Amino acid sequence: MARQTANGFSDIGEAEQAARDKAVSQANTRAGALDIVIQTRVRQLQDEPPPPDLQVARDALRDAASRQAWAEWHRHQAELHRATLTDLVNHHEEQAKRLEGAM
């Protein structure tokens, strides 16, 4: 039986304290075992390949990003070629006019 002490805490018997200590110890042991199980599962999940449907989704996203990057590269190349070809066409037209004027 617990009785109230001057500091406001209960004074419990040795048997009751031993039972509480045992319960806390068992809880700590279970918590430690649960931590080990969780850590083991985390390592397993890190080592396992993703499920096929998730892998397909990742591949699709990667393929879409790759296609988008290539599309951007081709657009950039088209702009460069357009500028170069426009300058080249203008140069040849000017040369032709210059040569025609010299005749």
Protein backbone atom coordinates (compact mmCIF):
# COMPACT_ATOMS: atom_id res chain seq x y z
CA MET A 1 0.00 0.00 0.00
CA ALA A 2 1.35 3.42 -0.90
CA ARG A 3 1.39 6.21 1.61
CA GLN A 4 1.89 9.92 1.13
CA THR A 5 5.22 11.38 2.27
CA ALA A 6 6.02 14.96 3.26
CA ASN A 7 7.41 15.79 -0.20
CA GLY A 8 4.15 14.77 -1.88
CA PHE A 9 5.44 11.55 -3.45
CA SER A 10 4.04 8.16 -2.67
CA ASP A 11 6.11 5.83 -0.55
CA ILE A 12 5.66 2.43 -2.13
CA GLY A 13 6.76 -0.89 -0.80
CA GLU A 14 9.77 -2.80 -2.05
CA ALA A 15 7.66 -5.47 -3.75
CA GLU A 16 5.64 -2.87 -5.62
CA GLN A 17 8.80 -1.00 -6.65
CA ALA A 18 10.37 -4.25 -7.85
CA ALA A 19 7.27 -5.01 -9.92
CA ARG A 20 7.39 -1.53 -11.46
CA ASP A 21 11.10 -1.84 -12.18
CA LYS A 22 10.50 -5.21 -13.83
CA ALA A 23 7.68 -3.78 -15.99
CA VAL A 24 9.88 -0.86 -17.08
CA SER A 25 12.75 -3.21 -17.85
CA GLN A 26 10.49 -5.46 -19.93
CA ALA A 27 9.11 -2.44 -21.79
CA ASN A 28 12.64 -1.24 -22.53
CA THR A 29 13.61 -4.70 -23.77
CA ARG A 30 10.57 -4.82 -26.06
CA ALA A 31 11.29 -1.29 -27.33
CA GLY A 32 14.88 -2.28 -28.05
CA ALA A 33 13.74 -5.41 -29.88
CA LEU A 34 11.24 -3.35 -31.86
CA ASP A 35 14.00 -0.90 -32.82
CA ILE A 36 16.07 -3.80 -34.13
CA VAL A 37 13.14 -5.11 -36.18
CA ILE A 38 12.49 -1.65 -37.64
CA GLN A 39 16.16 -1.08 -38.49
CA THR A 40 16.38 -4.51 -40.13
CA ARG A 41 13.28 -3.82 -42.24
CA VAL A 42 14.59 -0.41 -43.28
CA ARG A 43 17.82 -2.04 -44.52
CA GLN A 44 15.79 -4.70 -46.37
CA LEU A 45 13.66 -2.04 -48.07
CA GLN A 46 16.75 -0.11 -49.11
CA ASP A 47 18.27 -3.24 -50.66
CA GLU A 48 15.11 -4.47 -52.41
CA PRO A 49 14.34 -3.32 -55.93
CA PRO A 50 11.19 -1.22 -56.15
CA PRO A 51 7.94 -2.98 -57.09
CA PRO A 52 7.50 -3.35 -60.86
CA ASP A 53 4.71 -0.78 -61.09
CA LEU A 54 6.81 1.79 -59.22
CA GLN A 55 9.81 1.02 -61.44
CA VAL A 56 7.64 1.46 -64.54
CA ALA A 57 6.45 4.82 -63.22
CA ARG A 58 10.03 5.91 -62.48
CA ASP A 59 11.17 4.81 -65.94
CA ALA A 60 8.29 6.68 -67.56
CA LEU A 61 9.18 9.86 -65.67
CA ARG A 62 12.85 9.46 -66.54
CA ASP A 63 11.96 8.82 -70.21
CA ALA A 64 9.67 11.85 -70.26
CA ALA A 65 12.40 14.01 -68.73
CA SER A 66 14.89 12.65 -71.24
CA ARG A 67 12.53 13.34 -74.16
CA GLN A 68 11.93 16.85 -72.84
CA ALA A 69 15.68 17.50 -72.55
CA TRP A 70 16.27 16.25 -76.11
CA ALA A 71 13.39 18.36 -77.40
CA GLU A 72 14.95 21.43 -75.78
CA TRP A 73 18.33 20.59 -77.33
CA HIS A 74 16.78 20.22 -80.80
CA ARG A 75 14.92 23.55 -80.42
CA HIS A 76 18.17 25.24 -79.45
CA GLN A 77 20.00 23.64 -82.39
CA ALA A 78 17.24 24.76 -84.75
CA GLU A 79 17.62 28.35 -83.53
CA LEU A 80 21.39 28.21 -84.05
CA HIS A 81 21.06 26.70 -87.52
CA ARG A 82 18.34 29.16 -88.47
CA ALA A 83 20.56 32.09 -87.50
CA THR A 84 23.57 30.60 -89.28
CA LEU A 85 21.65 29.75 -92.42
CA THR A 86 19.96 33.15 -92.50
CA ASP A 87 23.36 34.83 -92.28
CA LEU A 88 24.72 32.47 -94.94
CA VAL A 89 21.81 33.11 -97.31
CA ASN A 90 22.16 36.88 -96.81
CA HIS A 91 25.89 36.69 -97.47
CA HIS A 92 25.40 34.78 -100.76
CA GLU A 93 22.64 37.15 -101.92
CA GLU A 94 24.86 40.16 -101.22
CA GLN A 95 27.77 38.54 -103.08
CA ALA A 96 25.52 37.79 -106.03
CA LYS A 97 24.28 41.41 -106.14
CA ARG A 98 27.84 42.71 -105.86
CA LEU A 99 28.98 40.48 -108.71
CA GLU A 100 25.98 41.41 -110.87
CA GLY A 101 26.70 45.11 -110.27
CA ALA A 102 30.29 44.64 -111.43
CA MET A 103 29.18 43.33 -114.82
